[in-house]
Amino acid sequence: MSSKLGDLFREKRIEKNMKLAEVAKALGYTNMHKGCRKILQVESTGWSSEDVQQKLVSLYKITEREYHFAIDADIENARAELNKLLSRYPLKRMYLQESSWKGRRPLVPPEITTEEDALKWGIDFVKKNPSIYCKSLFITSKTYYSIGNNGNYVKCERDYNDFCQNQHIYNAKHAKLEFYDGTDR
């Protein structure tokens, strides 16, 4: 997946007519080969440590507006890619999950193949086991039902933010919160 943030860093480097080795030296790398590799990685993926990102922002004199615009575009692209991925791959087996269970989670019996039948099974299972709480019946990798002890349920969809938090797949939101343009305020 291409990165608007990486593209921004590349464009600014080219705009300033700087070679990779010059940028690596400005960032404090003593091993030029390693420094150039790191810069190429940032330019192709947009991902780097917060320290490197802030040094590049300062070196290239990137405005806060440009920086946030690139990160917002990357977040939207990541969200679209995730949604496409999650909708393409259904679960092999539907299952019931509860936050305090340890060990195996109850799988929907293999003879149940429809979402409606799985929901009926999940509601019955929850009613028979009132001591458990925070129950979710996962239908696909994106869709699940939250089921209460009384049998009430709500259909939900996993959000990009949920996935991002659990998988640590993208650091854009964190980077956006810590914007520093290299000047004293």
N, C-alpha and C. Protein backbone atom coordinates (compact mmCIF):
# COMPACT_ATOMS: atom_id res chain seq x y z
N MET A 1 0.85 -1.17 0.00
CA MET A 1 0.00 0.00 0.00
C MET A 1 0.90 1.24 0.00
N SER A 2 0.65 2.16 -0.90
CA SER A 2 1.45 3.37 -0.96
C SER A 2 1.06 4.29 0.21
N SER A 3 1.94 5.22 0.50
CA SER A 3 1.73 6.10 1.64
C SER A 3 1.84 7.55 1.20
N LYS A 4 0.83 8.34 1.54
CA LYS A 4 0.87 9.77 1.23
C LYS A 4 1.95 10.47 2.06
N LEU A 5 2.14 9.99 3.29
CA LEU A 5 3.18 10.57 4.14
C LEU A 5 4.56 10.30 3.55
N GLY A 6 4.79 9.06 3.10
CA GLY A 6 6.05 8.72 2.45
C GLY A 6 6.26 9.53 1.18
N ASP A 7 5.17 9.67 0.40
CA ASP A 7 5.25 10.48 -0.82
C ASP A 7 5.60 11.93 -0.50
N LEU A 8 5.03 12.46 0.58
CA LEU A 8 5.31 13.83 0.99
C LEU A 8 6.79 13.99 1.33
N PHE A 9 7.35 13.04 2.10
CA PHE A 9 8.76 13.10 2.45
C PHE A 9 9.64 13.04 1.19
N ARG A 10 9.31 12.15 0.26
CA ARG A 10 10.08 12.02 -0.98
C ARG A 10 10.01 13.32 -1.79
N GLU A 11 8.80 13.87 -1.95
CA GLU A 11 8.63 15.11 -2.72
C GLU A 11 9.43 16.25 -2.10
N LYS A 12 9.41 16.37 -0.80
CA LYS A 12 10.14 17.45 -0.14
C LYS A 12 11.65 17.28 -0.28
N ARG A 13 12.13 16.03 -0.23
CA ARG A 13 13.57 15.78 -0.42
C ARG A 13 13.99 16.18 -1.82
N ILE A 14 13.18 15.78 -2.81
CA ILE A 14 13.49 16.12 -4.20
C ILE A 14 13.39 17.63 -4.41
N GLU A 15 12.37 18.24 -3.83
CA GLU A 15 12.17 19.69 -3.93
C GLU A 15 13.38 20.45 -3.39
N LYS A 16 13.98 19.94 -2.31
CA LYS A 16 15.15 20.58 -1.71
C LYS A 16 16.45 20.13 -2.39
N ASN A 17 16.32 19.26 -3.40
CA ASN A 17 17.46 18.78 -4.18
C ASN A 17 18.50 18.10 -3.28
N MET A 18 18.00 17.27 -2.35
CA MET A 18 18.89 16.58 -1.42
C MET A 18 19.03 15.12 -1.82
N LYS A 19 20.24 14.61 -1.72
CA LYS A 19 20.50 13.19 -1.97
C LYS A 19 20.22 12.41 -0.68
N LEU A 20 20.00 11.11 -0.83
CA LEU A 20 19.71 10.28 0.35
C LEU A 20 20.82 10.38 1.39
N ALA A 21 22.07 10.37 0.95
CA ALA A 21 23.19 10.43 1.88
C ALA A 21 23.20 11.75 2.66
N GLU A 22 22.82 12.84 2.02
CA GLU A 22 22.75 14.14 2.71
C GLU A 22 21.69 14.12 3.80
N VAL A 23 20.54 13.52 3.49
CA VAL A 23 19.46 13.42 4.48
C VAL A 23 19.89 12.51 5.63
N ALA A 24 20.53 11.39 5.30
CA ALA A 24 21.00 10.46 6.33
C ALA A 24 21.98 11.16 7.28
N LYS A 25 22.89 11.94 6.71
CA LYS A 25 23.86 12.67 7.53
C LYS A 25 23.16 13.71 8.40
N ALA A 26 22.17 14.41 7.83
CA ALA A 26 21.43 15.42 8.59
C ALA A 26 20.63 14.79 9.73
N LEU A 27 20.21 13.54 9.55
CA LEU A 27 19.46 12.85 10.60
C LEU A 27 20.38 12.25 11.67
N GLY A 28 21.69 12.30 11.42
CA GLY A 28 22.63 11.82 12.43
C GLY A 28 23.14 10.41 12.22
N TYR A 29 22.87 9.80 11.08
CA TYR A 29 23.37 8.45 10.82
C TYR A 29 24.86 8.52 10.51
N THR A 30 25.63 7.64 11.13
CA THR A 30 27.06 7.54 10.80
C THR A 30 27.28 6.46 9.74
N ASN A 31 26.42 5.46 9.73
CA ASN A 31 26.47 4.43 8.70
C ASN A 31 25.55 4.88 7.57
N MET A 32 26.12 5.41 6.50
CA MET A 32 25.34 6.00 5.40
C MET A 32 24.46 4.97 4.71
N HIS A 33 24.95 3.74 4.56
CA HIS A 33 24.17 2.70 3.90
C HIS A 33 22.88 2.42 4.70
N LYS A 34 23.03 2.28 6.00
CA LYS A 34 21.87 2.05 6.86
C LYS A 34 20.93 3.26 6.85
N GLY A 35 21.49 4.46 6.92
CA GLY A 35 20.68 5.67 6.90
C GLY A 35 19.88 5.81 5.62
N CYS A 36 20.51 5.53 4.48
CA CYS A 36 19.82 5.62 3.18
C CYS A 36 18.69 4.58 3.10
N ARG A 37 18.96 3.37 3.62
CA ARG A 37 17.91 2.34 3.64
C ARG A 37 16.72 2.78 4.47
N LYS A 38 16.99 3.37 5.63
CA LYS A 38 15.90 3.84 6.50
C LYS A 38 15.08 4.92 5.81
N ILE A 39 15.74 5.84 5.15
CA ILE A 39 15.03 6.93 4.46
C ILE A 39 14.19 6.38 3.32
N LEU A 40 14.73 5.43 2.57
CA LEU A 40 13.95 4.81 1.49
C LEU A 40 12.74 4.08 2.06
N GLN A 41 12.91 3.44 3.22
CA GLN A 41 11.79 2.75 3.86
C GLN A 41 10.71 3.76 4.25
N VAL A 42 11.10 4.89 4.81
CA VAL A 42 10.14 5.92 5.20
C VAL A 42 9.41 6.44 3.96
N GLU A 43 10.15 6.68 2.89
CA GLU A 43 9.55 7.23 1.67
C GLU A 43 8.63 6.23 0.98
N SER A 44 8.86 4.96 1.14
CA SER A 44 8.00 3.98 0.47
C SER A 44 6.80 3.57 1.32
N THR A 45 6.95 3.57 2.66
CA THR A 45 5.86 3.09 3.51
C THR A 45 5.22 4.19 4.36
N GLY A 46 5.94 5.27 4.62
CA GLY A 46 5.45 6.31 5.52
C GLY A 46 5.68 5.95 6.98
N TRP A 47 6.18 4.75 7.24
CA TRP A 47 6.36 4.30 8.61
C TRP A 47 7.79 4.51 9.07
N SER A 48 7.93 5.05 10.26
CA SER A 48 9.24 5.20 10.90
C SER A 48 8.99 5.51 12.37
N SER A 49 10.07 5.62 13.10
CA SER A 49 9.91 6.02 14.50
C SER A 49 9.46 7.47 14.53
N GLU A 50 8.84 7.85 15.63
CA GLU A 50 8.36 9.22 15.78
C GLU A 50 9.52 10.20 15.69
N ASP A 51 10.66 9.83 16.24
CA ASP A 51 11.84 10.68 16.24
C ASP A 51 12.29 10.98 14.80
N VAL A 52 12.37 9.96 13.97
CA VAL A 52 12.79 10.14 12.58
C VAL A 52 11.77 11.00 11.83
N GLN A 53 10.50 10.74 12.04
CA GLN A 53 9.48 11.55 11.36
C GLN A 53 9.61 13.02 11.73
N GLN A 54 9.79 13.30 13.01
CA GLN A 54 9.88 14.70 13.44
C GLN A 54 11.15 15.37 12.91
N LYS A 55 12.23 14.61 12.82
CA LYS A 55 13.46 15.17 12.25
C LYS A 55 13.26 15.50 10.77
N LEU A 56 12.56 14.62 10.04
CA LEU A 56 12.30 14.88 8.62
C LEU A 56 11.38 16.08 8.44
N VAL A 57 10.36 16.17 9.30
CA VAL A 57 9.44 17.32 9.24
C VAL A 57 10.22 18.61 9.44
N SER A 58 11.12 18.61 10.40
CA SER A 58 11.92 19.80 10.68
C SER A 58 12.91 20.08 9.55
N LEU A 59 13.59 19.05 9.07
CA LEU A 59 14.57 19.21 8.00
C LEU A 59 13.94 19.75 6.72
N TYR A 60 12.80 19.21 6.36
CA TYR A 60 12.13 19.62 5.11
C TYR A 60 11.22 20.83 5.29
N LYS A 61 11.06 21.28 6.54
CA LYS A 61 10.17 22.41 6.86
C LYS A 61 8.74 22.15 6.36
N ILE A 62 8.25 20.98 6.73
CA ILE A 62 6.88 20.58 6.37
C ILE A 62 5.92 21.25 7.34
N THR A 63 4.86 21.82 6.82
CA THR A 63 3.88 22.49 7.68
C THR A 63 3.00 21.46 8.37
N GLU A 64 2.41 21.88 9.46
CA GLU A 64 1.51 21.00 10.21
C GLU A 64 0.34 20.58 9.33
N ARG A 65 -0.15 21.49 8.52
CA ARG A 65 -1.29 21.19 7.62
C ARG A 65 -0.94 20.10 6.61
N GLU A 66 0.24 20.21 5.98
CA GLU A 66 0.69 19.20 5.02
C GLU A 66 0.84 17.84 5.69
N TYR A 67 1.44 17.86 6.87
CA TYR A 67 1.70 16.64 7.62
C TYR A 67 0.39 15.93 7.98
N HIS A 68 -0.56 16.68 8.52
CA HIS A 68 -1.84 16.09 8.93
C HIS A 68 -2.65 15.64 7.71
N PHE A 69 -2.59 16.38 6.63
CA PHE A 69 -3.31 15.98 5.42
C PHE A 69 -2.80 14.63 4.93
N ALA A 70 -1.47 14.45 4.90
CA ALA A 70 -0.88 13.18 4.44
C ALA A 70 -1.27 12.04 5.37
N ILE A 71 -1.23 12.27 6.68
CA ILE A 71 -1.58 11.22 7.64
C ILE A 71 -3.06 10.86 7.51
N ASP A 72 -3.94 11.86 7.39
CA ASP A 72 -5.37 11.59 7.22
C ASP A 72 -5.63 10.76 5.97
N ALA A 73 -4.92 11.07 4.89
CA ALA A 73 -5.08 10.31 3.64
C ALA A 73 -4.62 8.86 3.86
N ASP A 74 -3.52 8.67 4.58
CA ASP A 74 -3.04 7.32 4.87
C ASP A 74 -4.02 6.54 5.74
N ILE A 75 -4.63 7.22 6.71
CA ILE A 75 -5.62 6.56 7.57
C ILE A 75 -6.81 6.09 6.73
N GLU A 76 -7.29 6.95 5.84
CA GLU A 76 -8.42 6.57 4.98
C GLU A 76 -8.05 5.41 4.06
N ASN A 77 -6.85 5.44 3.49
CA ASN A 77 -6.40 4.34 2.64
C ASN A 77 -6.30 3.04 3.43
N ALA A 78 -5.75 3.12 4.63
CA ALA A 78 -5.62 1.92 5.47
C ALA A 78 -6.99 1.38 5.85
N ARG A 79 -7.94 2.27 6.16
CA ARG A 79 -9.30 1.85 6.49
C ARG A 79 -9.95 1.15 5.30
N ALA A 80 -9.79 1.70 4.11
CA ALA A 80 -10.38 1.09 2.91
C ALA A 80 -9.75 -0.27 2.62
N GLU A 81 -8.44 -0.37 2.75
CA GLU A 81 -7.76 -1.65 2.53
C GLU A 81 -8.21 -2.69 3.55
N LEU A 82 -8.33 -2.29 4.81
CA LEU A 82 -8.76 -3.22 5.84
C LEU A 82 -10.18 -3.71 5.57
N ASN A 83 -11.08 -2.79 5.25
CA ASN A 83 -12.47 -3.18 4.97
C ASN A 83 -12.54 -4.14 3.79
N LYS A 84 -11.73 -3.89 2.77
CA LYS A 84 -11.70 -4.78 1.62
C LYS A 84 -11.19 -6.17 2.03
N LEU A 85 -10.15 -6.18 2.84
CA LEU A 85 -9.58 -7.43 3.31
C LEU A 85 -10.55 -8.21 4.20
N LEU A 86 -11.17 -7.52 5.16
CA LEU A 86 -12.08 -8.20 6.08
C LEU A 86 -13.30 -8.75 5.38
N SER A 87 -13.81 -8.05 4.38
CA SER A 87 -15.01 -8.53 3.70
C SER A 87 -14.70 -9.69 2.76
N ARG A 88 -13.45 -9.83 2.35
CA ARG A 88 -13.07 -10.88 1.41
C ARG A 88 -12.88 -12.24 2.07
N TYR A 89 -12.49 -12.23 3.34
CA TYR A 89 -12.16 -13.48 4.01
C TYR A 89 -13.14 -13.80 5.14
N PRO A 90 -14.11 -14.65 4.89
CA PRO A 90 -15.01 -15.05 5.98
C PRO A 90 -14.28 -15.99 6.94
N LEU A 91 -14.81 -16.11 8.13
CA LEU A 91 -14.23 -17.04 9.10
C LEU A 91 -14.47 -18.47 8.65
N LYS A 92 -13.55 -19.37 9.02
CA LYS A 92 -13.75 -20.78 8.70
C LYS A 92 -14.89 -21.35 9.54
N ARG A 93 -14.98 -20.91 10.79
CA ARG A 93 -16.07 -21.33 11.67
C ARG A 93 -16.53 -20.13 12.46
N MET A 94 -17.84 -19.97 12.60
CA MET A 94 -18.38 -18.92 13.46
C MET A 94 -18.12 -19.34 14.91
N TYR A 95 -17.91 -18.38 15.79
CA TYR A 95 -17.63 -18.72 17.18
C TYR A 95 -18.17 -17.65 18.12
N LEU A 96 -18.30 -18.06 19.38
CA LEU A 96 -18.76 -17.17 20.43
C LEU A 96 -17.55 -16.80 21.28
N GLN A 97 -17.42 -15.53 21.59
CA GLN A 97 -16.27 -15.09 22.38
C GLN A 97 -16.77 -14.29 23.58
N GLU A 98 -16.08 -14.47 24.70
CA GLU A 98 -16.42 -13.75 25.92
C GLU A 98 -15.12 -13.30 26.54
N SER A 99 -15.09 -12.11 27.10
CA SER A 99 -13.83 -11.50 27.52
C SER A 99 -13.10 -12.26 28.63
N SER A 100 -13.80 -12.97 29.50
CA SER A 100 -13.11 -13.61 30.62
C SER A 100 -12.82 -15.10 30.39
N TRP A 101 -13.24 -15.66 29.25
CA TRP A 101 -12.96 -17.08 29.01
C TRP A 101 -11.48 -17.31 28.82
N LYS A 102 -11.02 -18.39 29.37
CA LYS A 102 -9.65 -18.81 29.14
C LYS A 102 -9.73 -20.14 28.41
N GLY A 103 -8.83 -20.32 27.47
CA GLY A 103 -8.83 -21.58 26.73
C GLY A 103 -9.69 -21.50 25.49
N ARG A 104 -10.39 -22.59 25.21
CA ARG A 104 -11.15 -22.71 23.96
C ARG A 104 -12.44 -21.90 24.00
N ARG A 105 -12.76 -21.31 22.89
CA ARG A 105 -14.03 -20.60 22.76
C ARG A 105 -15.03 -21.52 22.07
N PRO A 106 -16.30 -21.41 22.41
CA PRO A 106 -17.31 -22.29 21.80
C PRO A 106 -17.49 -21.98 20.31
N LEU A 107 -17.30 -23.00 19.50
CA LEU A 107 -17.51 -22.87 18.06
C LEU A 107 -18.96 -23.19 17.74
N VAL A 108 -19.50 -22.48 16.78
CA VAL A 108 -20.85 -22.81 16.31
C VAL A 108 -20.76 -24.19 15.68
N PRO A 109 -21.70 -25.08 15.98
CA PRO A 109 -21.65 -26.43 15.41
C PRO A 109 -21.55 -26.38 13.88
N PRO A 110 -20.78 -27.28 13.28
CA PRO A 110 -20.54 -27.22 11.83
C PRO A 110 -21.80 -27.36 10.97
N GLU A 111 -22.83 -27.98 11.51
CA GLU A 111 -24.07 -28.13 10.72
C GLU A 111 -24.83 -26.81 10.57
N ILE A 112 -24.51 -25.83 11.41
CA ILE A 112 -25.14 -24.51 11.31
C ILE A 112 -24.34 -23.68 10.32
N THR A 113 -24.97 -23.28 9.24
CA THR A 113 -24.25 -22.57 8.19
C THR A 113 -24.78 -21.17 7.91
N THR A 114 -25.95 -20.83 8.42
CA THR A 114 -26.49 -19.50 8.13
C THR A 114 -26.31 -18.59 9.33
N GLU A 115 -26.30 -17.31 9.06
CA GLU A 115 -26.14 -16.31 10.11
C GLU A 115 -27.30 -16.35 11.09
N GLU A 116 -28.52 -16.53 10.57
CA GLU A 116 -29.71 -16.56 11.42
C GLU A 116 -29.68 -17.74 12.38
N ASP A 117 -29.32 -18.91 11.87
CA ASP A 117 -29.25 -20.10 12.72
C ASP A 117 -28.14 -19.97 13.76
N ALA A 118 -27.02 -19.37 13.35
CA ALA A 118 -25.92 -19.16 14.29
C ALA A 118 -26.34 -18.21 15.41
N LEU A 119 -27.10 -17.19 15.06
CA LEU A 119 -27.57 -16.24 16.06
C LEU A 119 -28.51 -16.93 17.05
N LYS A 120 -29.42 -17.77 16.54
CA LYS A 120 -30.33 -18.53 17.43
C LYS A 120 -29.52 -19.41 18.38
N TRP A 121 -28.52 -20.11 17.83
CA TRP A 121 -27.67 -20.96 18.64
C TRP A 121 -26.95 -20.14 19.71
N GLY A 122 -26.41 -18.98 19.31
CA GLY A 122 -25.68 -18.12 20.24
C GLY A 122 -26.57 -17.63 21.37
N ILE A 123 -27.79 -17.21 21.05
CA ILE A 123 -28.73 -16.73 22.07
C ILE A 123 -29.07 -17.85 23.05
N ASP A 124 -29.34 -19.06 22.53
CA ASP A 124 -29.62 -20.21 23.39
C ASP A 124 -28.43 -20.51 24.30
N PHE A 125 -27.23 -20.50 23.74
CA PHE A 125 -26.02 -20.78 24.51
C PHE A 125 -25.85 -19.78 25.65
N VAL A 126 -26.07 -18.50 25.34
CA VAL A 126 -25.92 -17.45 26.34
C VAL A 126 -26.97 -17.59 27.44
N LYS A 127 -28.22 -17.90 27.07
CA LYS A 127 -29.27 -18.07 28.07
C LYS A 127 -28.99 -19.24 29.00
N LYS A 128 -28.37 -20.29 28.47
CA LYS A 128 -28.06 -21.47 29.28
C LYS A 128 -26.84 -21.25 30.18
N ASN A 129 -26.04 -20.22 29.88
CA ASN A 129 -24.83 -19.92 30.64
C ASN A 129 -24.87 -18.46 31.12
N PRO A 130 -25.74 -18.14 32.08
CA PRO A 130 -25.92 -16.75 32.50
C PRO A 130 -24.72 -16.16 33.25
N SER A 131 -23.79 -16.98 33.68
CA SER A 131 -22.65 -16.46 34.45
C SER A 131 -21.61 -15.77 33.57
N ILE A 132 -21.69 -15.97 32.27
CA ILE A 132 -20.72 -15.31 31.40
C ILE A 132 -21.25 -13.94 30.98
N TYR A 133 -20.33 -13.05 30.62
CA TYR A 133 -20.76 -11.71 30.21
C TYR A 133 -19.90 -11.24 29.03
N CYS A 134 -20.28 -10.13 28.42
CA CYS A 134 -19.58 -9.57 27.27
C CYS A 134 -19.43 -10.60 26.15
N LYS A 135 -20.56 -11.13 25.70
CA LYS A 135 -20.53 -12.16 24.68
C LYS A 135 -20.63 -11.56 23.29
N SER A 136 -19.80 -12.08 22.37
CA SER A 136 -19.85 -11.65 20.98
C SER A 136 -19.85 -12.90 20.11
N LEU A 137 -20.79 -12.96 19.18
CA LEU A 137 -20.86 -14.06 18.23
C LEU A 137 -20.26 -13.56 16.93
N PHE A 138 -19.07 -14.05 16.59
CA PHE A 138 -18.38 -13.62 15.37
C PHE A 138 -18.87 -14.44 14.18
N ILE A 139 -19.43 -13.73 13.21
CA ILE A 139 -19.97 -14.35 12.00
C ILE A 139 -18.91 -14.34 10.90
N THR A 140 -18.33 -13.17 10.65
CA THR A 140 -17.21 -13.03 9.71
C THR A 140 -16.11 -12.29 10.47
N SER A 141 -15.00 -12.07 9.81
CA SER A 141 -13.92 -11.34 10.48
C SER A 141 -14.30 -9.88 10.71
N LYS A 142 -15.37 -9.42 10.09
CA LYS A 142 -15.80 -8.03 10.26
C LYS A 142 -17.12 -7.90 11.03
N THR A 143 -18.02 -8.87 10.90
CA THR A 143 -19.37 -8.78 11.47
C THR A 143 -19.50 -9.67 12.70
N TYR A 144 -20.11 -9.11 13.75
CA TYR A 144 -20.39 -9.92 14.94
C TYR A 144 -21.66 -9.39 15.61
N TYR A 145 -22.22 -10.22 16.49
CA TYR A 145 -23.39 -9.85 17.28
C TYR A 145 -22.98 -9.78 18.74
N SER A 146 -23.38 -8.72 19.41
CA SER A 146 -23.19 -8.61 20.84
C SER A 146 -24.48 -9.11 21.48
N ILE A 147 -24.39 -10.15 22.33
CA ILE A 147 -25.58 -10.80 22.88
C ILE A 147 -25.64 -10.61 24.40
N GLY A 148 -26.78 -10.14 24.89
CA GLY A 148 -26.99 -9.96 26.32
C GLY A 148 -27.56 -11.22 26.96
N ASN A 149 -27.48 -11.32 28.29
CA ASN A 149 -27.99 -12.50 29.00
C ASN A 149 -29.48 -12.72 28.82
N ASN A 150 -30.21 -11.64 28.52
CA ASN A 150 -31.66 -11.77 28.33
C ASN A 150 -32.03 -12.17 26.90
N GLY A 151 -31.03 -12.34 26.04
CA GLY A 151 -31.29 -12.75 24.67
C GLY A 151 -31.33 -11.59 23.68
N ASN A 152 -31.29 -10.37 24.18
CA ASN A 152 -31.23 -9.21 23.27
C ASN A 152 -29.87 -9.19 22.59
N TYR A 153 -29.84 -8.70 21.36
CA TYR A 153 -28.58 -8.66 20.62
C TYR A 153 -28.52 -7.41 19.74
N VAL A 154 -27.30 -7.06 19.38
CA VAL A 154 -27.05 -5.93 18.50
C VAL A 154 -26.03 -6.40 17.45
N LYS A 155 -26.33 -6.12 16.18
CA LYS A 155 -25.37 -6.46 15.12
C LYS A 155 -24.33 -5.35 15.05
N CYS A 156 -23.06 -5.74 15.00
CA CYS A 156 -21.95 -4.78 15.00
C CYS A 156 -20.97 -5.11 13.88
N GLU A 157 -20.15 -4.13 13.55
CA GLU A 157 -19.06 -4.35 12.60
C GLU A 157 -17.78 -3.86 13.23
N ARG A 158 -16.71 -4.63 13.02
CA ARG A 158 -15.41 -4.20 13.54
C ARG A 158 -14.98 -2.96 12.80
N ASP A 159 -14.40 -2.06 13.53
CA ASP A 159 -13.97 -0.77 12.99
C ASP A 159 -12.47 -0.79 12.76
N TYR A 160 -12.02 0.07 11.87
CA TYR A 160 -10.59 0.21 11.63
C TYR A 160 -9.86 0.52 12.93
N ASN A 161 -10.43 1.39 13.76
CA ASN A 161 -9.76 1.78 14.99
C ASN A 161 -9.56 0.58 15.91
N ASP A 162 -10.55 -0.31 15.97
CA ASP A 162 -10.45 -1.52 16.77
C ASP A 162 -9.29 -2.37 16.26
N PHE A 163 -9.24 -2.56 14.95
CA PHE A 163 -8.19 -3.36 14.35
C PHE A 163 -6.83 -2.71 14.58
N CYS A 164 -6.76 -1.42 14.37
CA CYS A 164 -5.50 -0.70 14.53
C CYS A 164 -4.99 -0.83 15.95
N GLN A 165 -5.86 -0.67 16.92
CA GLN A 165 -5.46 -0.75 18.32
C GLN A 165 -4.97 -2.15 18.66
N ASN A 166 -5.66 -3.17 18.17
CA ASN A 166 -5.30 -4.54 18.53
C ASN A 166 -4.08 -5.05 17.78
N GLN A 167 -3.90 -4.63 16.54
CA GLN A 167 -2.83 -5.17 15.72
C GLN A 167 -1.63 -4.25 15.59
N HIS A 168 -1.73 -3.01 16.02
CA HIS A 168 -0.65 -2.04 15.91
C HIS A 168 -0.13 -1.98 14.47
N ILE A 169 -1.08 -1.90 13.52
CA ILE A 169 -0.70 -1.98 12.12
C ILE A 169 -0.24 -0.64 11.56
N TYR A 170 -0.69 0.43 12.16
CA TYR A 170 -0.38 1.72 11.56
C TYR A 170 -0.20 2.78 12.63
N ASN A 171 0.85 3.57 12.53
CA ASN A 171 1.17 4.53 13.60
C ASN A 171 0.72 5.94 13.28
N ALA A 172 -0.10 6.13 12.28
CA ALA A 172 -0.44 7.47 11.82
C ALA A 172 -1.16 8.30 12.88
N LYS A 173 -2.12 7.72 13.57
CA LYS A 173 -2.86 8.51 14.56
C LYS A 173 -1.94 8.96 15.67
N HIS A 174 -1.04 8.09 16.10
CA HIS A 174 -0.10 8.46 17.15
C HIS A 174 0.81 9.58 16.66
N ALA A 175 1.32 9.45 15.43
CA ALA A 175 2.20 10.48 14.88
C ALA A 175 1.47 11.81 14.78
N LYS A 176 0.20 11.77 14.42
CA LYS A 176 -0.56 13.01 14.28
C LYS A 176 -0.70 13.72 15.63
N LEU A 177 -0.85 12.97 16.69
CA LEU A 177 -1.01 13.59 18.01
C LEU A 177 0.26 14.28 18.48
N GLU A 178 1.40 13.84 17.99
CA GLU A 178 2.68 14.34 18.48
C GLU A 178 3.37 15.26 17.49
N PHE A 179 2.63 16.01 16.69
CA PHE A 179 3.25 16.85 15.68
C PHE A 179 4.14 17.91 16.33
N TYR A 180 5.36 18.02 15.81
CA TYR A 180 6.29 19.06 16.26
C TYR A 180 7.05 19.53 15.04
N ASP A 181 6.98 20.79 14.74
CA ASP A 181 7.58 21.29 13.51
C ASP A 181 9.02 21.76 13.66
N GLY A 182 9.63 21.52 14.81
CA GLY A 182 11.03 21.85 15.00
C GLY A 182 11.24 23.26 15.53
N THR A 183 10.21 24.03 15.71
CA THR A 183 10.37 25.38 16.24
C THR A 183 9.94 25.42 17.69
N ASP A 184 10.49 26.36 18.43
CA ASP A 184 10.06 26.51 19.82
C ASP A 184 8.77 27.28 19.86
N ARG A 185 7.85 26.85 20.67
CA ARG A 185 6.55 27.51 20.74
C ARG A 185 6.52 28.52 21.85
